[in-house]
Amino acid sequence: MVQIDDVDFAVAAFRQGGVWTVGELTREHLGDVETLADALGRLPGDSGAIALIGIDDDYFMLLRVTGDRVRALVSDVAAADVSELAASALEMLGIPAPLDDDEDAEAVPAGDLDLLGDLGMHAMDMAVLLDDFDLYPDEVLSDVARKVGFGKPFDDAVGLTSA
């Protein structure tokens, strides 16, 4: 299992008054989906709060909390084999963790592909990004953030912006 220290980045984003705010999530919030959702639920936001998490340079996870509603997307169900956070997301989604350790198996996303649809990142756009196996999680999530409207703050937070 990947430890919380193996999370490459974890940021939260929320929009208030039309302005996006992006900041790092603390490691204490990354133990499981319930803890993360509780932290996101405390953030202000016109349309809830979004967590964008890169795991082990191979996987990413999106979690969105709007009121009492919690929605998740895991880029590949195999992430549950290496991340307790991803495993708890699959459990919340009612999806069993994969039994096969086949490293050559095709990535299979799980969750709500349209969780950011109302913000401009529709399911079809998300599916196209998930199908691009040449992209790293930070690159995929940078594209997502750009499409939704907080690309530069996201890139700055995860170190994609050159100094």
N, C-alpha and C. Protein backbone atom coordinates (compact mmCIF):
# COMPACT_ATOMS: atom_id res chain seq x y z
N MET A 1 0.84 -1.19 0.00
CA MET A 1 0.00 0.00 0.00
C MET A 1 0.88 1.24 0.00
N VAL A 2 0.53 2.21 -0.84
CA VAL A 2 1.21 3.49 -0.84
C VAL A 2 0.82 4.22 0.44
N GLN A 3 1.79 4.81 1.07
CA GLN A 3 1.53 5.59 2.27
C GLN A 3 1.11 6.99 1.86
N ILE A 4 0.54 7.73 2.80
CA ILE A 4 0.11 9.09 2.52
C ILE A 4 1.28 9.92 2.02
N ASP A 5 2.49 9.61 2.49
CA ASP A 5 3.68 10.35 2.04
C ASP A 5 3.96 10.15 0.57
N ASP A 6 3.39 9.10 -0.06
CA ASP A 6 3.61 8.84 -1.48
C ASP A 6 2.60 9.55 -2.38
N VAL A 7 1.72 10.33 -1.78
CA VAL A 7 0.83 11.17 -2.58
C VAL A 7 1.69 12.27 -3.17
N ASP A 8 1.65 12.42 -4.49
CA ASP A 8 2.48 13.41 -5.16
C ASP A 8 2.01 14.83 -4.88
N PHE A 9 0.72 15.03 -4.90
CA PHE A 9 0.15 16.33 -4.58
C PHE A 9 -1.32 16.14 -4.21
N ALA A 10 -1.82 17.05 -3.42
CA ALA A 10 -3.23 17.05 -3.04
C ALA A 10 -3.63 18.50 -2.80
N VAL A 11 -4.51 18.99 -3.67
CA VAL A 11 -4.96 20.36 -3.54
C VAL A 11 -6.47 20.42 -3.54
N ALA A 12 -6.98 21.48 -2.95
CA ALA A 12 -8.41 21.75 -2.95
C ALA A 12 -8.65 23.03 -3.72
N ALA A 13 -9.75 23.07 -4.44
CA ALA A 13 -10.12 24.26 -5.19
C ALA A 13 -11.59 24.57 -4.94
N PHE A 14 -11.88 25.86 -4.79
CA PHE A 14 -13.26 26.28 -4.66
C PHE A 14 -13.39 27.68 -5.25
N ARG A 15 -14.61 27.97 -5.70
CA ARG A 15 -14.89 29.26 -6.33
C ARG A 15 -15.88 30.02 -5.46
N GLN A 16 -15.50 31.26 -5.16
CA GLN A 16 -16.38 32.11 -4.37
C GLN A 16 -16.43 33.49 -5.03
N GLY A 17 -17.63 33.94 -5.36
CA GLY A 17 -17.77 35.23 -6.03
C GLY A 17 -17.09 35.26 -7.39
N GLY A 18 -17.03 34.10 -8.05
CA GLY A 18 -16.43 34.02 -9.38
C GLY A 18 -14.91 33.89 -9.37
N VAL A 19 -14.29 33.87 -8.21
CA VAL A 19 -12.83 33.78 -8.10
C VAL A 19 -12.44 32.42 -7.51
N TRP A 20 -11.54 31.73 -8.20
CA TRP A 20 -11.08 30.42 -7.74
C TRP A 20 -9.95 30.58 -6.74
N THR A 21 -9.98 29.74 -5.71
CA THR A 21 -8.91 29.64 -4.73
C THR A 21 -8.42 28.21 -4.75
N VAL A 22 -7.10 28.04 -4.80
CA VAL A 22 -6.49 26.71 -4.81
C VAL A 22 -5.45 26.66 -3.70
N GLY A 23 -5.50 25.62 -2.89
CA GLY A 23 -4.53 25.47 -1.82
C GLY A 23 -4.25 24.01 -1.53
N GLU A 24 -3.13 23.78 -0.89
CA GLU A 24 -2.75 22.40 -0.55
C GLU A 24 -3.64 21.84 0.54
N LEU A 25 -3.91 20.56 0.43
CA LEU A 25 -4.58 19.82 1.50
C LEU A 25 -3.51 19.26 2.42
N THR A 26 -3.81 19.20 3.70
CA THR A 26 -2.84 18.63 4.64
C THR A 26 -2.89 17.11 4.56
N ARG A 27 -1.80 16.49 4.92
CA ARG A 27 -1.70 15.02 4.89
C ARG A 27 -2.74 14.36 5.80
N GLU A 28 -3.13 15.05 6.85
CA GLU A 28 -4.13 14.49 7.77
C GLU A 28 -5.49 14.28 7.10
N HIS A 29 -5.74 15.01 6.02
CA HIS A 29 -7.02 14.90 5.33
C HIS A 29 -7.06 13.77 4.31
N LEU A 30 -5.94 13.08 4.11
CA LEU A 30 -5.85 12.12 3.01
C LEU A 30 -5.95 10.66 3.43
N GLY A 31 -6.39 10.40 4.65
CA GLY A 31 -6.48 9.02 5.12
C GLY A 31 -7.59 8.22 4.45
N ASP A 32 -8.73 8.85 4.24
CA ASP A 32 -9.87 8.18 3.61
C ASP A 32 -10.83 9.23 3.05
N VAL A 33 -11.77 8.77 2.27
CA VAL A 33 -12.71 9.68 1.61
C VAL A 33 -13.56 10.45 2.62
N GLU A 34 -13.96 9.81 3.68
CA GLU A 34 -14.80 10.48 4.68
C GLU A 34 -14.08 11.68 5.29
N THR A 35 -12.83 11.51 5.66
CA THR A 35 -12.04 12.59 6.25
C THR A 35 -11.82 13.70 5.23
N LEU A 36 -11.50 13.32 4.00
CA LEU A 36 -11.29 14.29 2.94
C LEU A 36 -12.57 15.06 2.62
N ALA A 37 -13.68 14.35 2.53
CA ALA A 37 -14.97 14.99 2.25
C ALA A 37 -15.35 15.96 3.35
N ASP A 38 -15.07 15.60 4.60
CA ASP A 38 -15.35 16.49 5.72
C ASP A 38 -14.54 17.78 5.59
N ALA A 39 -13.27 17.65 5.23
CA ALA A 39 -12.41 18.84 5.05
C ALA A 39 -12.92 19.71 3.91
N LEU A 40 -13.29 19.10 2.80
CA LEU A 40 -13.80 19.86 1.65
C LEU A 40 -15.12 20.55 1.99
N GLY A 41 -15.95 19.86 2.76
CA GLY A 41 -17.25 20.41 3.12
C GLY A 41 -17.16 21.66 3.98
N ARG A 42 -16.02 21.89 4.59
CA ARG A 42 -15.82 23.07 5.43
C ARG A 42 -15.37 24.29 4.63
N LEU A 43 -15.01 24.07 3.37
CA LEU A 43 -14.56 25.18 2.54
C LEU A 43 -15.75 25.91 1.95
N PRO A 44 -15.62 27.23 1.80
CA PRO A 44 -16.72 27.97 1.15
C PRO A 44 -16.68 27.66 -0.34
N GLY A 45 -17.71 28.03 -1.00
CA GLY A 45 -17.69 27.83 -2.45
C GLY A 45 -19.08 27.91 -3.04
N ASP A 46 -19.15 28.57 -4.18
CA ASP A 46 -20.43 28.71 -4.88
C ASP A 46 -20.93 27.38 -5.41
N SER A 47 -20.00 26.49 -5.75
CA SER A 47 -20.38 25.20 -6.34
C SER A 47 -19.63 24.06 -5.67
N GLY A 48 -19.46 24.17 -4.37
CA GLY A 48 -18.77 23.13 -3.62
C GLY A 48 -17.27 23.28 -3.70
N ALA A 49 -16.58 22.24 -3.28
CA ALA A 49 -15.12 22.22 -3.29
C ALA A 49 -14.65 20.94 -3.96
N ILE A 50 -13.49 21.03 -4.58
CA ILE A 50 -12.94 19.92 -5.37
C ILE A 50 -11.55 19.59 -4.84
N ALA A 51 -11.29 18.30 -4.64
CA ALA A 51 -9.93 17.84 -4.33
C ALA A 51 -9.35 17.22 -5.58
N LEU A 52 -8.11 17.55 -5.88
CA LEU A 52 -7.38 17.00 -7.02
C LEU A 52 -6.12 16.37 -6.44
N ILE A 53 -5.98 15.06 -6.61
CA ILE A 53 -4.92 14.33 -5.93
C ILE A 53 -4.17 13.46 -6.92
N GLY A 54 -2.86 13.57 -6.94
CA GLY A 54 -2.00 12.72 -7.75
C GLY A 54 -1.35 11.68 -6.86
N ILE A 55 -1.38 10.43 -7.29
CA ILE A 55 -0.89 9.31 -6.48
C ILE A 55 0.17 8.54 -7.26
N ASP A 56 1.37 8.49 -6.70
CA ASP A 56 2.42 7.60 -7.19
C ASP A 56 2.74 7.77 -8.68
N ASP A 57 2.61 8.99 -9.21
CA ASP A 57 2.89 9.30 -10.62
C ASP A 57 2.10 8.45 -11.61
N ASP A 58 1.12 7.69 -11.15
CA ASP A 58 0.36 6.81 -12.03
C ASP A 58 -1.14 7.06 -12.03
N TYR A 59 -1.66 7.54 -10.93
CA TYR A 59 -3.11 7.64 -10.76
C TYR A 59 -3.49 9.03 -10.28
N PHE A 60 -4.76 9.36 -10.48
CA PHE A 60 -5.28 10.57 -9.86
C PHE A 60 -6.68 10.30 -9.36
N MET A 61 -7.10 11.19 -8.49
CA MET A 61 -8.43 11.09 -7.92
C MET A 61 -9.01 12.49 -7.84
N LEU A 62 -10.27 12.60 -8.15
CA LEU A 62 -11.03 13.83 -7.98
C LEU A 62 -12.14 13.54 -6.98
N LEU A 63 -12.35 14.44 -6.06
CA LEU A 63 -13.46 14.32 -5.12
C LEU A 63 -14.13 15.68 -5.08
N ARG A 64 -15.44 15.70 -5.19
CA ARG A 64 -16.18 16.96 -5.15
C ARG A 64 -17.27 16.86 -4.09
N VAL A 65 -17.32 17.86 -3.24
CA VAL A 65 -18.33 17.93 -2.20
C VAL A 65 -19.16 19.18 -2.45
N THR A 66 -20.46 18.96 -2.61
CA THR A 66 -21.41 20.05 -2.79
C THR A 66 -22.53 19.81 -1.80
N GLY A 67 -22.57 20.60 -0.74
CA GLY A 67 -23.55 20.35 0.32
C GLY A 67 -23.27 19.00 0.95
N ASP A 68 -24.29 18.14 0.96
CA ASP A 68 -24.14 16.78 1.51
C ASP A 68 -23.73 15.77 0.44
N ARG A 69 -23.63 16.20 -0.78
CA ARG A 69 -23.34 15.29 -1.90
C ARG A 69 -21.82 15.15 -2.10
N VAL A 70 -21.35 13.90 -2.11
CA VAL A 70 -19.94 13.60 -2.34
C VAL A 70 -19.84 12.76 -3.60
N ARG A 71 -19.03 13.24 -4.56
CA ARG A 71 -18.84 12.54 -5.82
C ARG A 71 -17.36 12.31 -6.03
N ALA A 72 -17.02 11.19 -6.64
CA ALA A 72 -15.61 10.83 -6.81
C ALA A 72 -15.35 10.28 -8.19
N LEU A 73 -14.09 10.42 -8.61
CA LEU A 73 -13.58 9.80 -9.82
C LEU A 73 -12.15 9.34 -9.54
N VAL A 74 -11.90 8.07 -9.79
CA VAL A 74 -10.56 7.50 -9.66
C VAL A 74 -10.12 7.13 -11.07
N SER A 75 -8.93 7.56 -11.46
CA SER A 75 -8.49 7.37 -12.85
C SER A 75 -8.33 5.92 -13.25
N ASP A 76 -8.08 5.05 -12.27
CA ASP A 76 -7.88 3.63 -12.56
C ASP A 76 -8.19 2.84 -11.29
N VAL A 77 -9.04 1.83 -11.41
CA VAL A 77 -9.40 1.03 -10.23
C VAL A 77 -8.18 0.36 -9.61
N ALA A 78 -7.11 0.16 -10.39
CA ALA A 78 -5.89 -0.44 -9.86
C ALA A 78 -5.25 0.44 -8.80
N ALA A 79 -5.61 1.72 -8.73
CA ALA A 79 -5.08 2.61 -7.70
C ALA A 79 -5.41 2.10 -6.31
N ALA A 80 -6.50 1.35 -6.18
CA ALA A 80 -6.90 0.80 -4.89
C ALA A 80 -5.87 -0.17 -4.33
N ASP A 81 -5.05 -0.75 -5.22
CA ASP A 81 -4.00 -1.66 -4.77
C ASP A 81 -2.85 -0.94 -4.09
N VAL A 82 -2.70 0.36 -4.37
CA VAL A 82 -1.56 1.09 -3.84
C VAL A 82 -1.94 2.27 -2.95
N SER A 83 -3.21 2.60 -2.88
CA SER A 83 -3.64 3.79 -2.14
C SER A 83 -4.87 3.50 -1.30
N GLU A 84 -4.74 3.71 -0.01
CA GLU A 84 -5.90 3.54 0.88
C GLU A 84 -6.99 4.56 0.56
N LEU A 85 -6.58 5.77 0.16
CA LEU A 85 -7.55 6.79 -0.20
C LEU A 85 -8.36 6.36 -1.43
N ALA A 86 -7.68 5.85 -2.46
CA ALA A 86 -8.38 5.37 -3.65
C ALA A 86 -9.27 4.17 -3.30
N ALA A 87 -8.77 3.29 -2.45
CA ALA A 87 -9.58 2.14 -2.03
C ALA A 87 -10.84 2.59 -1.31
N SER A 88 -10.73 3.63 -0.48
CA SER A 88 -11.92 4.11 0.23
C SER A 88 -12.88 4.80 -0.74
N ALA A 89 -12.35 5.41 -1.81
CA ALA A 89 -13.22 6.02 -2.83
C ALA A 89 -14.00 4.94 -3.56
N LEU A 90 -13.32 3.84 -3.93
CA LEU A 90 -14.02 2.74 -4.59
C LEU A 90 -15.08 2.15 -3.67
N GLU A 91 -14.76 2.03 -2.40
CA GLU A 91 -15.73 1.50 -1.44
C GLU A 91 -16.95 2.41 -1.37
N MET A 92 -16.73 3.73 -1.32
CA MET A 92 -17.84 4.69 -1.29
C MET A 92 -18.69 4.56 -2.55
N LEU A 93 -18.03 4.30 -3.69
CA LEU A 93 -18.74 4.17 -4.96
C LEU A 93 -19.43 2.81 -5.10
N GLY A 94 -19.14 1.88 -4.18
CA GLY A 94 -19.71 0.54 -4.27
C GLY A 94 -19.06 -0.32 -5.32
N ILE A 95 -17.80 -0.02 -5.64
CA ILE A 95 -17.07 -0.76 -6.67
C ILE A 95 -16.00 -1.60 -5.99
N PRO A 96 -16.01 -2.91 -6.23
CA PRO A 96 -14.99 -3.75 -5.59
C PRO A 96 -13.59 -3.45 -6.13
N ALA A 97 -12.61 -3.54 -5.25
CA ALA A 97 -11.22 -3.37 -5.67
C ALA A 97 -10.86 -4.50 -6.62
N PRO A 98 -9.98 -4.24 -7.57
CA PRO A 98 -9.62 -5.29 -8.54
C PRO A 98 -8.89 -6.44 -7.86
N LEU A 99 -9.12 -7.64 -8.36
CA LEU A 99 -8.47 -8.82 -7.81
C LEU A 99 -7.21 -9.16 -8.58
N ASP A 100 -7.10 -8.65 -9.80
CA ASP A 100 -6.01 -9.00 -10.69
C ASP A 100 -4.85 -8.04 -10.53
N ASP A 101 -3.64 -8.56 -10.38
CA ASP A 101 -2.44 -7.75 -10.27
C ASP A 101 -1.73 -7.60 -11.61
N ASP A 102 -2.43 -7.78 -12.70
CA ASP A 102 -1.85 -7.72 -14.04
C ASP A 102 -1.42 -6.29 -14.36
N GLU A 103 -0.10 -6.05 -14.39
CA GLU A 103 0.41 -4.71 -14.65
C GLU A 103 0.16 -4.26 -16.08
N ASP A 104 -0.10 -5.21 -16.98
CA ASP A 104 -0.35 -4.87 -18.38
C ASP A 104 -1.83 -4.62 -18.66
N ALA A 105 -2.67 -4.77 -17.65
CA ALA A 105 -4.10 -4.56 -17.85
C ALA A 105 -4.37 -3.09 -18.17
N GLU A 106 -5.38 -2.87 -18.99
CA GLU A 106 -5.76 -1.52 -19.37
C GLU A 106 -6.36 -0.78 -18.17
N ALA A 107 -6.06 0.50 -18.06
CA ALA A 107 -6.60 1.31 -16.97
C ALA A 107 -8.11 1.43 -17.11
N VAL A 108 -8.80 1.23 -16.00
CA VAL A 108 -10.25 1.32 -15.98
C VAL A 108 -10.65 2.36 -14.94
N PRO A 109 -11.19 3.50 -15.39
CA PRO A 109 -11.61 4.52 -14.43
C PRO A 109 -12.88 4.09 -13.71
N ALA A 110 -13.11 4.72 -12.56
CA ALA A 110 -14.31 4.43 -11.79
C ALA A 110 -14.85 5.72 -11.20
N GLY A 111 -16.15 5.83 -11.20
CA GLY A 111 -16.78 6.99 -10.59
C GLY A 111 -17.52 7.84 -11.59
N ASP A 112 -17.69 9.09 -11.25
CA ASP A 112 -18.52 10.03 -11.97
C ASP A 112 -17.69 10.85 -12.95
N LEU A 113 -17.72 10.47 -14.23
CA LEU A 113 -16.97 11.21 -15.25
C LEU A 113 -17.50 12.63 -15.44
N ASP A 114 -18.72 12.88 -15.01
CA ASP A 114 -19.34 14.19 -15.21
C ASP A 114 -19.39 15.01 -13.93
N LEU A 115 -18.54 14.69 -12.94
CA LEU A 115 -18.63 15.41 -11.68
C LEU A 115 -18.27 16.89 -11.80
N LEU A 116 -17.64 17.29 -12.90
CA LEU A 116 -17.34 18.70 -13.12
C LEU A 116 -18.07 19.24 -14.35
N GLY A 117 -19.07 18.51 -14.82
CA GLY A 117 -19.79 18.89 -16.02
C GLY A 117 -20.42 20.27 -15.94
N ASP A 118 -20.98 20.63 -14.80
CA ASP A 118 -21.60 21.94 -14.65
C ASP A 118 -20.58 23.08 -14.64
N LEU A 119 -19.30 22.72 -14.50
CA LEU A 119 -18.23 23.72 -14.49
C LEU A 119 -17.48 23.78 -15.82
N GLY A 120 -17.93 22.99 -16.80
CA GLY A 120 -17.34 23.04 -18.13
C GLY A 120 -16.49 21.84 -18.52
N MET A 121 -16.27 20.92 -17.59
CA MET A 121 -15.49 19.71 -17.91
C MET A 121 -16.47 18.54 -17.97
N HIS A 122 -17.00 18.30 -19.17
CA HIS A 122 -18.04 17.30 -19.35
C HIS A 122 -17.46 15.88 -19.42
N ALA A 123 -18.32 14.91 -19.26
CA ALA A 123 -17.92 13.50 -19.22
C ALA A 123 -17.12 13.10 -20.45
N MET A 124 -17.51 13.54 -21.61
CA MET A 124 -16.81 13.17 -22.84
C MET A 124 -15.39 13.73 -22.84
N ASP A 125 -15.23 14.97 -22.38
CA ASP A 125 -13.89 15.57 -22.28
C ASP A 125 -13.02 14.80 -21.29
N MET A 126 -13.62 14.42 -20.17
CA MET A 126 -12.90 13.66 -19.15
C MET A 126 -12.48 12.30 -19.71
N ALA A 127 -13.38 11.66 -20.44
CA ALA A 127 -13.08 10.35 -21.02
C ALA A 127 -11.90 10.43 -21.99
N VAL A 128 -11.85 11.50 -22.77
CA VAL A 128 -10.74 11.69 -23.71
C VAL A 128 -9.42 11.80 -22.95
N LEU A 129 -9.40 12.56 -21.87
CA LEU A 129 -8.18 12.69 -21.07
C LEU A 129 -7.79 11.36 -20.43
N LEU A 130 -8.76 10.63 -19.93
CA LEU A 130 -8.48 9.34 -19.29
C LEU A 130 -7.95 8.32 -20.29
N ASP A 131 -8.28 8.48 -21.55
CA ASP A 131 -7.81 7.56 -22.58
C ASP A 131 -6.39 7.86 -23.06
N ASP A 132 -5.84 9.00 -22.66
CA ASP A 132 -4.49 9.37 -23.08
C ASP A 132 -3.48 8.84 -22.06
N PHE A 133 -2.95 7.65 -22.33
CA PHE A 133 -2.06 6.98 -21.40
C PHE A 133 -0.66 7.59 -21.34
N ASP A 134 -0.38 8.56 -22.22
CA ASP A 134 0.92 9.22 -22.21
C ASP A 134 0.99 10.36 -21.20
N LEU A 135 -0.14 10.77 -20.66
CA LEU A 135 -0.17 11.88 -19.72
C LEU A 135 0.00 11.41 -18.29
N TYR A 136 0.76 12.17 -17.52
CA TYR A 136 0.89 11.93 -16.07
C TYR A 136 -0.28 12.57 -15.35
N PRO A 137 -0.56 12.13 -14.12
CA PRO A 137 -1.69 12.69 -13.38
C PRO A 137 -1.67 14.21 -13.27
N ASP A 138 -0.49 14.81 -13.03
CA ASP A 138 -0.46 16.26 -12.91
C ASP A 138 -0.82 16.94 -14.24
N GLU A 139 -0.47 16.32 -15.35
CA GLU A 139 -0.80 16.88 -16.66
C GLU A 139 -2.30 16.77 -16.94
N VAL A 140 -2.88 15.64 -16.61
CA VAL A 140 -4.32 15.46 -16.80
C VAL A 140 -5.09 16.47 -15.95
N LEU A 141 -4.71 16.55 -14.67
CA LEU A 141 -5.43 17.44 -13.77
C LEU A 141 -5.18 18.90 -14.09
N SER A 142 -4.04 19.22 -14.67
CA SER A 142 -3.80 20.58 -15.14
C SER A 142 -4.76 20.92 -16.27
N ASP A 143 -4.97 19.97 -17.18
CA ASP A 143 -5.94 20.18 -18.26
C ASP A 143 -7.35 20.35 -17.70
N VAL A 144 -7.69 19.53 -16.71
CA VAL A 144 -9.01 19.63 -16.06
C VAL A 144 -9.16 21.01 -15.42
N ALA A 145 -8.16 21.42 -14.65
CA ALA A 145 -8.22 22.71 -13.96
C ALA A 145 -8.32 23.87 -14.96
N ARG A 146 -7.60 23.77 -16.05
CA ARG A 146 -7.65 24.82 -17.07
C ARG A 146 -9.05 24.91 -17.68
N LYS A 147 -9.64 23.75 -17.95
CA LYS A 147 -10.98 23.72 -18.55
C LYS A 147 -12.03 24.30 -17.59
N VAL A 148 -11.85 24.04 -16.31
CA VAL A 148 -12.82 24.50 -15.31
C VAL A 148 -12.60 25.97 -14.96
N GLY A 149 -11.35 26.45 -15.08
CA GLY A 149 -11.11 27.87 -14.84
C GLY A 149 -10.05 28.22 -13.82
N PHE A 150 -9.33 27.22 -13.29
CA PHE A 150 -8.29 27.54 -12.32
C PHE A 150 -6.95 26.88 -12.68
N GLY A 151 -6.63 26.88 -13.96
CA GLY A 151 -5.42 26.24 -14.45
C GLY A 151 -4.14 26.79 -13.87
N LYS A 152 -3.95 28.12 -13.92
CA LYS A 152 -2.70 28.70 -13.41
C LYS A 152 -2.54 28.49 -11.91
N PRO A 153 -3.56 28.76 -11.09
CA PRO A 153 -3.38 28.50 -9.65
C PRO A 153 -3.09 27.02 -9.35
N PHE A 154 -3.72 26.11 -10.11
CA PHE A 154 -3.42 24.69 -9.92
C PHE A 154 -1.97 24.40 -10.28
N ASP A 155 -1.54 24.86 -11.46
CA ASP A 155 -0.16 24.63 -11.90
C ASP A 155 0.84 25.19 -10.89
N ASP A 156 0.55 26.37 -10.36
CA ASP A 156 1.42 26.97 -9.34
C ASP A 156 1.47 26.10 -8.09
N ALA A 157 0.31 25.59 -7.67
CA ALA A 157 0.24 24.81 -6.43
C ALA A 157 0.99 23.47 -6.53
N VAL A 158 0.99 22.86 -7.71
CA VAL A 158 1.63 21.55 -7.84
C VAL A 158 3.02 21.63 -8.47
N GLY A 159 3.48 22.86 -8.76
CA GLY A 159 4.84 23.02 -9.25
C GLY A 159 5.01 22.82 -10.76
N LEU A 160 3.95 22.99 -11.52
CA LEU A 160 4.07 22.86 -12.98
C LEU A 160 4.50 24.17 -13.64
N THR A 161 4.41 25.26 -12.91
CA THR A 161 4.78 26.56 -13.44
C THR A 161 6.27 26.76 -13.21
N SER A 162 6.98 27.16 -14.27
CA SER A 162 8.40 27.41 -14.10
C SER A 162 8.61 28.74 -13.40
N ALA A 163 9.66 28.80 -12.61
CA ALA A 163 9.94 29.98 -11.80
C ALA A 163 10.41 31.14 -12.62
